[in-house]
Amino acid sequence: MRTPRLLAYPSRKGVGRMRRAWLAGATVLVATGVLAGCSPPRYDLVAAYNGDDGKPWVMLAPCGRNDITSIHVSSWPTDPGRSPYTPGAGLESGWWADFDPAIGGGSLPLFAPPASWSVLPHGEQRLLPGYRYNVDFYSPEDGVYYGEVYFTAEDLAGLEPGEVWAGDRAMTRKAFREYRADKC
């Protein structure tokens, strides 16, 4: 008959299991950190606003004199449970453009990009009520990053003259420039 141990030390087999478990956990933590570091950061460097023509416009504001190599406009219903990742979402209203050579920042009508751009439109080219919009650009310079804004037709309708929608709120153009300078 065996006598039970009151203070049990792990057997050699148990130590090996503990080492493997610790090593596996450490590997997962390192891999998570590496993968998280591989995704380019996203900054609120796009502002949406109502143009003098009454139509929606966007201001693309990359850091410094950085260039933009692509712009994407997408939308999806604001119904609960819907997101841009819901199958079929993002094709309701919008467009995509890649640039070679790259372009700088500036303002443009949301649904009337310059004719010189090669644009791939999808869905209706107008602001739809009950939809959330995303405008983002990609800049491969200064560490690679995305600029983006999310908004609805209702967000733009609530803007006062001289205000823009950026960072999930209404702000003055001056506040947006200061916000951009802080992010860059």
N, C-alpha and C. Protein backbone atom coordinates (compact mmCIF):
# COMPACT_ATOMS: atom_id res chain seq x y z
N MET A 1 0.83 -1.16 0.00
CA MET A 1 0.00 0.00 0.00
C MET A 1 0.89 1.24 0.00
N ARG A 2 0.53 2.22 -0.86
CA ARG A 2 1.30 3.46 -0.97
C ARG A 2 0.85 4.46 0.06
N THR A 3 1.80 5.20 0.55
CA THR A 3 1.48 6.26 1.49
C THR A 3 1.28 7.55 0.70
N PRO A 4 0.17 8.23 0.91
CA PRO A 4 -0.04 9.48 0.17
C PRO A 4 0.96 10.54 0.60
N ARG A 5 1.40 11.32 -0.36
CA ARG A 5 2.33 12.42 -0.07
C ARG A 5 1.53 13.67 0.28
N LEU A 6 1.95 14.33 1.33
CA LEU A 6 1.27 15.56 1.69
C LEU A 6 1.83 16.72 0.88
N LEU A 7 3.13 16.75 0.68
CA LEU A 7 3.76 17.77 -0.16
C LEU A 7 4.29 17.07 -1.39
N ALA A 8 3.54 17.11 -2.42
CA ALA A 8 3.94 16.40 -3.63
C ALA A 8 4.70 17.34 -4.56
N TYR A 9 5.79 16.88 -5.04
CA TYR A 9 6.56 17.60 -6.06
C TYR A 9 6.22 16.98 -7.39
N PRO A 10 6.20 17.78 -8.43
CA PRO A 10 5.85 17.20 -9.73
C PRO A 10 6.90 16.17 -10.15
N SER A 11 6.41 15.13 -10.78
CA SER A 11 7.32 14.12 -11.31
C SER A 11 8.05 14.71 -12.51
N ARG A 12 9.05 13.99 -12.99
CA ARG A 12 9.77 14.46 -14.18
C ARG A 12 8.80 14.62 -15.34
N LYS A 13 7.85 13.71 -15.41
CA LYS A 13 6.85 13.77 -16.47
C LYS A 13 6.00 15.04 -16.31
N GLY A 14 5.62 15.36 -15.07
CA GLY A 14 4.82 16.57 -14.81
C GLY A 14 5.59 17.84 -15.11
N VAL A 15 6.91 17.86 -14.82
CA VAL A 15 7.73 19.04 -15.12
C VAL A 15 7.79 19.26 -16.63
N GLY A 16 7.94 18.18 -17.37
CA GLY A 16 7.96 18.29 -18.84
C GLY A 16 6.66 18.85 -19.38
N ARG A 17 5.54 18.41 -18.82
CA ARG A 17 4.23 18.93 -19.25
C ARG A 17 4.10 20.41 -18.93
N MET A 18 4.56 20.80 -17.73
CA MET A 18 4.48 22.21 -17.34
C MET A 18 5.34 23.07 -18.25
N ARG A 19 6.53 22.58 -18.59
CA ARG A 19 7.39 23.34 -19.51
C ARG A 19 6.73 23.50 -20.86
N ARG A 20 6.17 22.42 -21.38
CA ARG A 20 5.51 22.49 -22.70
C ARG A 20 4.32 23.44 -22.64
N ALA A 21 3.54 23.39 -21.57
CA ALA A 21 2.39 24.29 -21.44
C ALA A 21 2.85 25.74 -21.37
N TRP A 22 3.91 25.99 -20.58
CA TRP A 22 4.44 27.35 -20.48
C TRP A 22 4.97 27.82 -21.82
N LEU A 23 5.70 26.95 -22.52
CA LEU A 23 6.26 27.29 -23.83
C LEU A 23 5.14 27.57 -24.84
N ALA A 24 4.11 26.74 -24.82
CA ALA A 24 2.98 26.95 -25.73
C ALA A 24 2.29 28.28 -25.44
N GLY A 25 2.07 28.58 -24.15
CA GLY A 25 1.44 29.86 -23.78
C GLY A 25 2.29 31.04 -24.19
N ALA A 26 3.60 30.96 -23.97
CA ALA A 26 4.50 32.05 -24.36
C ALA A 26 4.51 32.22 -25.87
N THR A 27 4.47 31.12 -26.61
CA THR A 27 4.45 31.19 -28.08
C THR A 27 3.19 31.89 -28.56
N VAL A 28 2.05 31.56 -27.96
CA VAL A 28 0.79 32.20 -28.34
C VAL A 28 0.85 33.69 -28.07
N LEU A 29 1.38 34.10 -26.92
CA LEU A 29 1.49 35.53 -26.60
C LEU A 29 2.39 36.25 -27.59
N VAL A 30 3.53 35.67 -27.92
CA VAL A 30 4.45 36.29 -28.88
C VAL A 30 3.80 36.38 -30.25
N ALA A 31 3.16 35.29 -30.69
CA ALA A 31 2.51 35.30 -32.01
C ALA A 31 1.40 36.35 -32.07
N THR A 32 0.63 36.48 -30.99
CA THR A 32 -0.43 37.50 -30.96
C THR A 32 0.17 38.90 -31.08
N GLY A 33 1.25 39.15 -30.38
CA GLY A 33 1.91 40.45 -30.46
C GLY A 33 2.45 40.73 -31.85
N VAL A 34 3.04 39.72 -32.47
CA VAL A 34 3.60 39.90 -33.82
C VAL A 34 2.48 40.16 -34.81
N LEU A 35 1.41 39.38 -34.75
CA LEU A 35 0.31 39.56 -35.68
C LEU A 35 -0.38 40.91 -35.50
N ALA A 36 -0.55 41.33 -34.26
CA ALA A 36 -1.17 42.64 -34.01
C ALA A 36 -0.28 43.75 -34.55
N GLY A 37 1.02 43.57 -34.49
CA GLY A 37 1.94 44.58 -35.00
C GLY A 37 2.01 44.63 -36.50
N CYS A 38 1.49 43.61 -37.18
CA CYS A 38 1.56 43.55 -38.64
C CYS A 38 0.44 44.33 -39.31
N SER A 39 -0.63 44.61 -38.59
CA SER A 39 -1.74 45.35 -39.18
C SER A 39 -1.41 46.83 -39.14
N PRO A 40 -1.53 47.50 -40.29
CA PRO A 40 -1.26 48.94 -40.29
C PRO A 40 -2.25 49.67 -39.38
N PRO A 41 -1.80 50.70 -38.69
CA PRO A 41 -2.72 51.44 -37.82
C PRO A 41 -3.76 52.20 -38.63
N ARG A 42 -4.89 52.46 -38.00
CA ARG A 42 -5.97 53.22 -38.62
C ARG A 42 -6.14 54.52 -37.85
N TYR A 43 -6.17 55.63 -38.57
CA TYR A 43 -6.31 56.95 -37.96
C TYR A 43 -7.50 57.66 -38.58
N ASP A 44 -8.16 58.49 -37.80
CA ASP A 44 -9.29 59.28 -38.29
C ASP A 44 -8.75 60.48 -39.08
N LEU A 45 -8.26 60.21 -40.30
CA LEU A 45 -7.64 61.25 -41.12
C LEU A 45 -8.50 61.59 -42.35
N VAL A 46 -9.78 61.27 -42.26
CA VAL A 46 -10.74 61.62 -43.31
C VAL A 46 -11.89 62.33 -42.62
N ALA A 47 -12.36 63.41 -43.20
CA ALA A 47 -13.52 64.13 -42.67
C ALA A 47 -14.60 64.17 -43.74
N ALA A 48 -15.84 63.95 -43.34
CA ALA A 48 -16.99 64.04 -44.25
C ALA A 48 -17.73 65.33 -43.91
N TYR A 49 -18.27 65.97 -44.94
CA TYR A 49 -18.99 67.22 -44.71
C TYR A 49 -19.94 67.49 -45.86
N ASN A 50 -20.79 68.50 -45.68
CA ASN A 50 -21.72 68.92 -46.73
C ASN A 50 -21.06 70.01 -47.55
N GLY A 51 -20.96 69.80 -48.86
CA GLY A 51 -20.36 70.79 -49.73
C GLY A 51 -21.30 71.96 -49.99
N ASP A 52 -20.76 73.00 -50.59
CA ASP A 52 -21.58 74.17 -50.95
C ASP A 52 -22.70 73.77 -51.91
N ASP A 53 -22.49 72.67 -52.63
CA ASP A 53 -23.50 72.19 -53.58
C ASP A 53 -24.57 71.35 -52.90
N GLY A 54 -24.47 71.17 -51.57
CA GLY A 54 -25.44 70.40 -50.82
C GLY A 54 -25.19 68.90 -50.85
N LYS A 55 -24.15 68.47 -51.54
CA LYS A 55 -23.83 67.06 -51.64
C LYS A 55 -22.72 66.70 -50.65
N PRO A 56 -22.61 65.40 -50.32
CA PRO A 56 -21.57 64.99 -49.39
C PRO A 56 -20.18 65.07 -50.03
N TRP A 57 -19.22 65.58 -49.27
CA TRP A 57 -17.83 65.67 -49.68
C TRP A 57 -16.97 65.00 -48.62
N VAL A 58 -15.76 64.65 -49.00
CA VAL A 58 -14.79 64.12 -48.04
C VAL A 58 -13.47 64.84 -48.19
N MET A 59 -12.79 65.01 -47.07
CA MET A 59 -11.47 65.62 -47.04
C MET A 59 -10.48 64.51 -46.65
N LEU A 60 -9.54 64.20 -47.54
CA LEU A 60 -8.52 63.19 -47.28
C LEU A 60 -7.30 63.93 -46.76
N ALA A 61 -6.85 63.59 -45.56
CA ALA A 61 -5.77 64.36 -44.91
C ALA A 61 -4.65 63.43 -44.43
N PRO A 62 -3.85 62.90 -45.38
CA PRO A 62 -2.73 62.05 -44.95
C PRO A 62 -1.71 62.86 -44.16
N CYS A 63 -0.89 62.17 -43.40
CA CYS A 63 0.13 62.84 -42.58
C CYS A 63 1.16 63.52 -43.47
N GLY A 64 1.56 64.73 -43.06
CA GLY A 64 2.59 65.47 -43.80
C GLY A 64 2.27 65.58 -45.28
N ARG A 65 3.25 65.24 -46.09
CA ARG A 65 3.05 65.24 -47.55
C ARG A 65 2.98 63.81 -48.09
N ASN A 66 2.49 62.89 -47.25
CA ASN A 66 2.40 61.50 -47.66
C ASN A 66 1.42 61.33 -48.81
N ASP A 67 1.64 60.29 -49.58
CA ASP A 67 0.76 59.99 -50.70
C ASP A 67 -0.25 58.92 -50.32
N ILE A 68 -1.28 58.81 -51.15
CA ILE A 68 -2.35 57.84 -51.00
C ILE A 68 -2.30 56.93 -52.22
N THR A 69 -2.40 55.61 -51.99
CA THR A 69 -2.37 54.68 -53.13
C THR A 69 -3.71 54.01 -53.40
N SER A 70 -4.69 54.17 -52.50
CA SER A 70 -6.02 53.65 -52.78
C SER A 70 -7.04 54.34 -51.87
N ILE A 71 -8.26 54.42 -52.38
CA ILE A 71 -9.39 54.97 -51.63
C ILE A 71 -10.55 54.00 -51.80
N HIS A 72 -11.28 53.77 -50.71
CA HIS A 72 -12.42 52.86 -50.75
C HIS A 72 -13.60 53.53 -50.05
N VAL A 73 -14.75 53.53 -50.69
CA VAL A 73 -16.00 54.02 -50.12
C VAL A 73 -16.95 52.84 -50.07
N SER A 74 -17.46 52.53 -48.87
CA SER A 74 -18.40 51.41 -48.75
C SER A 74 -19.53 51.80 -47.81
N SER A 75 -20.61 50.99 -47.85
CA SER A 75 -21.76 51.26 -47.00
C SER A 75 -22.44 49.95 -46.65
N TRP A 76 -23.21 49.98 -45.56
CA TRP A 76 -23.99 48.83 -45.16
C TRP A 76 -25.15 49.33 -44.31
N PRO A 77 -26.26 48.57 -44.26
CA PRO A 77 -27.42 48.99 -43.47
C PRO A 77 -27.06 49.14 -42.00
N THR A 78 -27.69 50.10 -41.34
CA THR A 78 -27.42 50.32 -39.91
C THR A 78 -28.28 49.42 -39.03
N ASP A 79 -28.96 48.44 -39.63
CA ASP A 79 -29.77 47.50 -38.85
C ASP A 79 -28.90 46.85 -37.78
N PRO A 80 -29.49 46.58 -36.61
CA PRO A 80 -28.71 45.88 -35.57
C PRO A 80 -28.19 44.54 -36.11
N GLY A 81 -26.98 44.23 -35.76
CA GLY A 81 -26.39 42.97 -36.19
C GLY A 81 -25.70 43.03 -37.54
N ARG A 82 -25.80 44.15 -38.25
CA ARG A 82 -25.15 44.27 -39.56
C ARG A 82 -23.84 45.00 -39.38
N SER A 83 -22.89 44.66 -40.20
CA SER A 83 -21.58 45.31 -40.19
C SER A 83 -21.02 45.24 -41.60
N PRO A 84 -19.87 45.89 -41.85
CA PRO A 84 -19.29 45.80 -43.19
C PRO A 84 -18.85 44.38 -43.51
N TYR A 85 -18.79 43.50 -42.51
CA TYR A 85 -18.33 42.14 -42.74
C TYR A 85 -19.48 41.17 -42.96
N THR A 86 -20.73 41.65 -42.87
CA THR A 86 -21.89 40.83 -43.15
C THR A 86 -21.89 40.53 -44.65
N PRO A 87 -22.12 39.26 -45.04
CA PRO A 87 -22.13 38.95 -46.48
C PRO A 87 -23.06 39.87 -47.25
N GLY A 88 -22.57 40.43 -48.34
CA GLY A 88 -23.34 41.34 -49.16
C GLY A 88 -23.25 42.79 -48.74
N ALA A 89 -22.75 43.05 -47.54
CA ALA A 89 -22.60 44.42 -47.08
C ALA A 89 -21.45 45.08 -47.82
N GLY A 90 -21.47 46.37 -47.91
CA GLY A 90 -20.39 47.10 -48.55
C GLY A 90 -20.59 47.25 -50.05
N LEU A 91 -21.65 46.67 -50.59
CA LEU A 91 -21.88 46.77 -52.02
C LEU A 91 -23.10 47.61 -52.35
N GLU A 92 -23.68 48.22 -51.34
CA GLU A 92 -24.90 49.00 -51.54
C GLU A 92 -24.64 50.32 -52.25
N SER A 93 -23.55 50.99 -51.89
CA SER A 93 -23.27 52.31 -52.41
C SER A 93 -21.80 52.60 -52.17
N GLY A 94 -21.03 52.86 -53.20
CA GLY A 94 -19.62 53.17 -52.99
C GLY A 94 -18.76 52.98 -54.22
N TRP A 95 -17.45 53.01 -54.01
CA TRP A 95 -16.49 52.83 -55.10
C TRP A 95 -15.10 52.54 -54.54
N TRP A 96 -14.22 52.15 -55.43
CA TRP A 96 -12.84 51.81 -55.09
C TRP A 96 -11.94 52.38 -56.16
N ALA A 97 -10.80 52.92 -55.77
CA ALA A 97 -9.82 53.42 -56.75
C ALA A 97 -8.42 53.14 -56.24
N ASP A 98 -7.56 52.66 -57.12
CA ASP A 98 -6.13 52.49 -56.84
C ASP A 98 -5.38 53.52 -57.66
N PHE A 99 -4.25 53.96 -57.15
CA PHE A 99 -3.49 55.01 -57.83
C PHE A 99 -2.05 54.59 -58.08
N ASP A 100 -1.60 54.79 -59.30
CA ASP A 100 -0.21 54.58 -59.67
C ASP A 100 0.09 55.60 -60.76
N PRO A 101 0.75 56.67 -60.50
CA PRO A 101 1.41 57.00 -59.24
C PRO A 101 0.41 57.44 -58.18
N ALA A 102 0.89 57.49 -56.96
CA ALA A 102 0.05 57.85 -55.82
C ALA A 102 -0.40 59.31 -55.92
N ILE A 103 -1.41 59.65 -55.14
CA ILE A 103 -1.93 61.02 -55.10
C ILE A 103 -1.73 61.59 -53.70
N GLY A 104 -1.86 62.89 -53.56
CA GLY A 104 -1.81 63.53 -52.25
C GLY A 104 -3.21 63.65 -51.68
N GLY A 105 -3.37 64.40 -50.61
CA GLY A 105 -4.68 64.59 -49.99
C GLY A 105 -5.45 65.69 -50.67
N GLY A 106 -6.63 65.98 -50.15
CA GLY A 106 -7.47 67.04 -50.68
C GLY A 106 -8.94 66.70 -50.47
N SER A 107 -9.82 67.52 -51.01
CA SER A 107 -11.26 67.32 -50.88
C SER A 107 -11.87 66.93 -52.21
N LEU A 108 -12.93 66.14 -52.15
CA LEU A 108 -13.63 65.74 -53.36
C LEU A 108 -15.06 65.36 -53.03
N PRO A 109 -15.97 65.48 -54.00
CA PRO A 109 -17.34 65.03 -53.77
C PRO A 109 -17.33 63.52 -53.52
N LEU A 110 -18.11 63.07 -52.58
CA LEU A 110 -18.11 61.66 -52.20
C LEU A 110 -18.41 60.73 -53.38
N PHE A 111 -19.36 61.10 -54.20
CA PHE A 111 -19.75 60.22 -55.31
C PHE A 111 -19.39 60.77 -56.68
N ALA A 112 -18.42 61.68 -56.74
CA ALA A 112 -17.97 62.21 -58.03
C ALA A 112 -16.46 62.38 -58.00
N PRO A 113 -15.72 61.25 -57.90
CA PRO A 113 -14.26 61.38 -57.94
C PRO A 113 -13.83 61.90 -59.30
N PRO A 114 -12.64 62.48 -59.38
CA PRO A 114 -12.19 63.03 -60.67
C PRO A 114 -12.27 62.02 -61.81
N ALA A 115 -12.65 62.49 -62.99
CA ALA A 115 -12.81 61.63 -64.17
C ALA A 115 -11.49 60.97 -64.56
N SER A 116 -10.36 61.57 -64.19
CA SER A 116 -9.06 61.01 -64.55
C SER A 116 -8.71 59.76 -63.72
N TRP A 117 -9.45 59.52 -62.64
CA TRP A 117 -9.19 58.35 -61.81
C TRP A 117 -9.85 57.12 -62.42
N SER A 118 -9.24 55.99 -62.25
CA SER A 118 -9.83 54.72 -62.65
C SER A 118 -10.61 54.20 -61.44
N VAL A 119 -11.93 54.37 -61.48
CA VAL A 119 -12.79 54.06 -60.34
C VAL A 119 -13.67 52.85 -60.66
N LEU A 120 -13.78 51.96 -59.70
CA LEU A 120 -14.68 50.82 -59.82
C LEU A 120 -15.87 51.08 -58.90
N PRO A 121 -17.02 51.55 -59.46
CA PRO A 121 -18.18 51.84 -58.62
C PRO A 121 -18.96 50.56 -58.29
N HIS A 122 -19.68 50.59 -57.17
CA HIS A 122 -20.60 49.50 -56.84
C HIS A 122 -21.83 50.08 -56.19
N GLY A 123 -22.99 49.60 -56.62
CA GLY A 123 -24.25 50.07 -56.06
C GLY A 123 -24.57 51.50 -56.47
N GLU A 124 -25.54 52.08 -55.77
CA GLU A 124 -25.98 53.43 -56.06
C GLU A 124 -24.90 54.44 -55.68
N GLN A 125 -24.76 55.48 -56.46
CA GLN A 125 -23.75 56.51 -56.20
C GLN A 125 -24.43 57.73 -55.60
N ARG A 126 -25.02 57.51 -54.44
CA ARG A 126 -25.65 58.58 -53.68
C ARG A 126 -25.73 58.14 -52.23
N LEU A 127 -25.88 59.12 -51.34
CA LEU A 127 -25.97 58.86 -49.91
C LEU A 127 -27.35 58.27 -49.61
N LEU A 128 -27.38 57.11 -49.01
CA LEU A 128 -28.64 56.43 -48.71
C LEU A 128 -28.97 56.57 -47.22
N PRO A 129 -30.20 56.96 -46.89
CA PRO A 129 -30.58 57.02 -45.47
C PRO A 129 -30.63 55.61 -44.89
N GLY A 130 -30.29 55.48 -43.61
CA GLY A 130 -30.32 54.18 -42.96
C GLY A 130 -29.08 53.32 -43.25
N TYR A 131 -28.03 53.94 -43.80
CA TYR A 131 -26.80 53.23 -44.08
C TYR A 131 -25.63 53.91 -43.39
N ARG A 132 -24.67 53.13 -42.97
CA ARG A 132 -23.42 53.64 -42.41
C ARG A 132 -22.39 53.59 -43.54
N TYR A 133 -21.63 54.67 -43.65
CA TYR A 133 -20.59 54.77 -44.69
C TYR A 133 -19.21 54.74 -44.07
N ASN A 134 -18.29 54.19 -44.82
CA ASN A 134 -16.88 54.20 -44.45
C ASN A 134 -16.11 54.69 -45.65
N VAL A 135 -15.25 55.68 -45.43
CA VAL A 135 -14.31 56.13 -46.46
C VAL A 135 -12.93 55.92 -45.87
N ASP A 136 -12.09 55.19 -46.58
CA ASP A 136 -10.74 55.02 -46.08
C ASP A 136 -9.73 55.13 -47.21
N PHE A 137 -8.53 55.51 -46.83
CA PHE A 137 -7.43 55.55 -47.78
C PHE A 137 -6.25 54.81 -47.20
N TYR A 138 -5.36 54.40 -48.07
CA TYR A 138 -4.16 53.66 -47.68
C TYR A 138 -2.94 54.47 -48.08
N SER A 139 -2.04 54.65 -47.12
CA SER A 139 -0.78 55.35 -47.40
C SER A 139 0.38 54.42 -47.05
N PRO A 140 1.24 54.12 -48.01
CA PRO A 140 2.36 53.22 -47.74
C PRO A 140 3.57 53.92 -47.16
N GLU A 141 3.44 55.19 -46.82
CA GLU A 141 4.59 55.97 -46.36
C GLU A 141 4.60 56.13 -44.84
N ASP A 142 5.77 56.45 -44.31
CA ASP A 142 5.94 56.70 -42.88
C ASP A 142 5.35 55.59 -42.02
N GLY A 143 5.70 54.36 -42.34
CA GLY A 143 5.27 53.24 -41.52
C GLY A 143 3.98 52.59 -41.96
N VAL A 144 3.38 53.00 -43.02
CA VAL A 144 2.15 52.44 -43.58
C VAL A 144 0.97 52.63 -42.61
N TYR A 145 -0.11 53.23 -43.08
CA TYR A 145 -1.29 53.44 -42.25
C TYR A 145 -2.51 53.64 -43.12
N TYR A 146 -3.68 53.56 -42.48
CA TYR A 146 -4.96 53.84 -43.12
C TYR A 146 -5.53 55.10 -42.51
N GLY A 147 -6.20 55.91 -43.33
CA GLY A 147 -7.00 57.02 -42.84
C GLY A 147 -8.45 56.65 -43.07
N GLU A 148 -9.34 57.00 -42.15
CA GLU A 148 -10.73 56.57 -42.32
C GLU A 148 -11.71 57.49 -41.60
N VAL A 149 -12.98 57.35 -41.97
CA VAL A 149 -14.09 57.99 -41.28
C VAL A 149 -15.31 57.10 -41.45
N TYR A 150 -16.18 57.07 -40.42
CA TYR A 150 -17.46 56.38 -40.47
C TYR A 150 -18.53 57.42 -40.23
N PHE A 151 -19.63 57.37 -41.01
CA PHE A 151 -20.70 58.35 -40.84
C PHE A 151 -21.98 57.84 -41.48
N THR A 152 -23.09 58.51 -41.17
CA THR A 152 -24.39 58.22 -41.78
C THR A 152 -24.91 59.51 -42.43
N ALA A 153 -25.95 59.37 -43.23
CA ALA A 153 -26.59 60.55 -43.82
C ALA A 153 -27.11 61.45 -42.70
N GLU A 154 -27.57 60.84 -41.63
CA GLU A 154 -28.10 61.59 -40.49
C GLU A 154 -26.98 62.39 -39.79
N ASP A 155 -25.78 61.80 -39.70
CA ASP A 155 -24.65 62.53 -39.11
C ASP A 155 -24.37 63.80 -39.92
N LEU A 156 -24.34 63.67 -41.24
CA LEU A 156 -24.05 64.84 -42.09
C LEU A 156 -25.18 65.85 -42.04
N ALA A 157 -26.42 65.38 -41.96
CA ALA A 157 -27.57 66.30 -41.91
C ALA A 157 -27.53 67.15 -40.63
N GLY A 158 -26.92 66.64 -39.57
CA GLY A 158 -26.86 67.36 -38.31
C GLY A 158 -25.70 68.33 -38.20
N LEU A 159 -24.85 68.42 -39.22
CA LEU A 159 -23.70 69.32 -39.16
C LEU A 159 -24.11 70.78 -39.33
N GLU A 160 -23.48 71.64 -38.57
CA GLU A 160 -23.65 73.08 -38.73
C GLU A 160 -22.73 73.55 -39.86
N PRO A 161 -23.01 74.71 -40.46
CA PRO A 161 -22.09 75.22 -41.49
C PRO A 161 -20.66 75.32 -40.94
N GLY A 162 -19.71 74.86 -41.72
CA GLY A 162 -18.31 74.91 -41.31
C GLY A 162 -17.84 73.71 -40.50
N GLU A 163 -18.77 72.80 -40.16
CA GLU A 163 -18.39 71.62 -39.40
C GLU A 163 -18.12 70.43 -40.33
N VAL A 164 -17.32 69.49 -39.84
CA VAL A 164 -17.05 68.23 -40.53
C VAL A 164 -17.34 67.10 -39.56
N TRP A 165 -17.52 65.90 -40.10
CA TRP A 165 -17.69 64.71 -39.28
C TRP A 165 -16.40 63.91 -39.35
N ALA A 166 -15.75 63.72 -38.22
CA ALA A 166 -14.51 62.95 -38.15
C ALA A 166 -14.36 62.42 -36.73
N GLY A 167 -13.71 61.27 -36.58
CA GLY A 167 -13.52 60.73 -35.24
C GLY A 167 -14.82 60.45 -34.53
N ASP A 168 -15.87 60.08 -35.27
CA ASP A 168 -17.19 59.76 -34.72
C ASP A 168 -17.89 60.94 -34.06
N ARG A 169 -17.59 62.16 -34.51
CA ARG A 169 -18.28 63.33 -33.94
C ARG A 169 -18.16 64.53 -34.88
N ALA A 170 -19.01 65.50 -34.65
CA ALA A 170 -18.94 66.77 -35.40
C ALA A 170 -17.86 67.63 -34.78
N MET A 171 -17.11 68.34 -35.63
CA MET A 171 -16.08 69.27 -35.16
C MET A 171 -15.85 70.34 -36.22
N THR A 172 -15.23 71.42 -35.81
CA THR A 172 -14.91 72.47 -36.77
C THR A 172 -13.74 72.00 -37.65
N ARG A 173 -13.54 72.67 -38.75
CA ARG A 173 -12.40 72.33 -39.62
C ARG A 173 -11.08 72.56 -38.88
N LYS A 174 -11.04 73.62 -38.08
CA LYS A 174 -9.84 73.90 -37.30
C LYS A 174 -9.56 72.77 -36.31
N ALA A 175 -10.60 72.30 -35.64
CA ALA A 175 -10.43 71.19 -34.69
C ALA A 175 -9.97 69.93 -35.42
N PHE A 176 -10.48 69.71 -36.65
CA PHE A 176 -10.03 68.55 -37.43
C PHE A 176 -8.55 68.68 -37.79
N ARG A 177 -8.11 69.87 -38.19
CA ARG A 177 -6.69 70.06 -38.51
C ARG A 177 -5.81 69.81 -37.29
N GLU A 178 -6.26 70.27 -36.12
CA GLU A 178 -5.51 70.05 -34.88
C GLU A 178 -5.50 68.56 -34.51
N TYR A 179 -6.65 67.92 -34.68
CA TYR A 179 -6.78 66.49 -34.41
C TYR A 179 -5.82 65.69 -35.32
N ARG A 180 -5.80 66.07 -36.60
CA ARG A 180 -4.92 65.41 -37.58
C ARG A 180 -3.45 65.61 -37.19
N ALA A 181 -3.10 66.82 -36.82
CA ALA A 181 -1.70 67.11 -36.42
C ALA A 181 -1.31 66.27 -35.22
N ASP A 182 -2.23 66.07 -34.30
CA ASP A 182 -1.95 65.25 -33.12
C ASP A 182 -1.77 63.78 -33.49
N LYS A 183 -2.57 63.27 -34.43
CA LYS A 183 -2.47 61.87 -34.85
C LYS A 183 -1.21 61.60 -35.64
N CYS A 184 -0.78 62.59 -36.40
CA CYS A 184 0.40 62.40 -37.25
C CYS A 184 1.66 62.67 -36.45
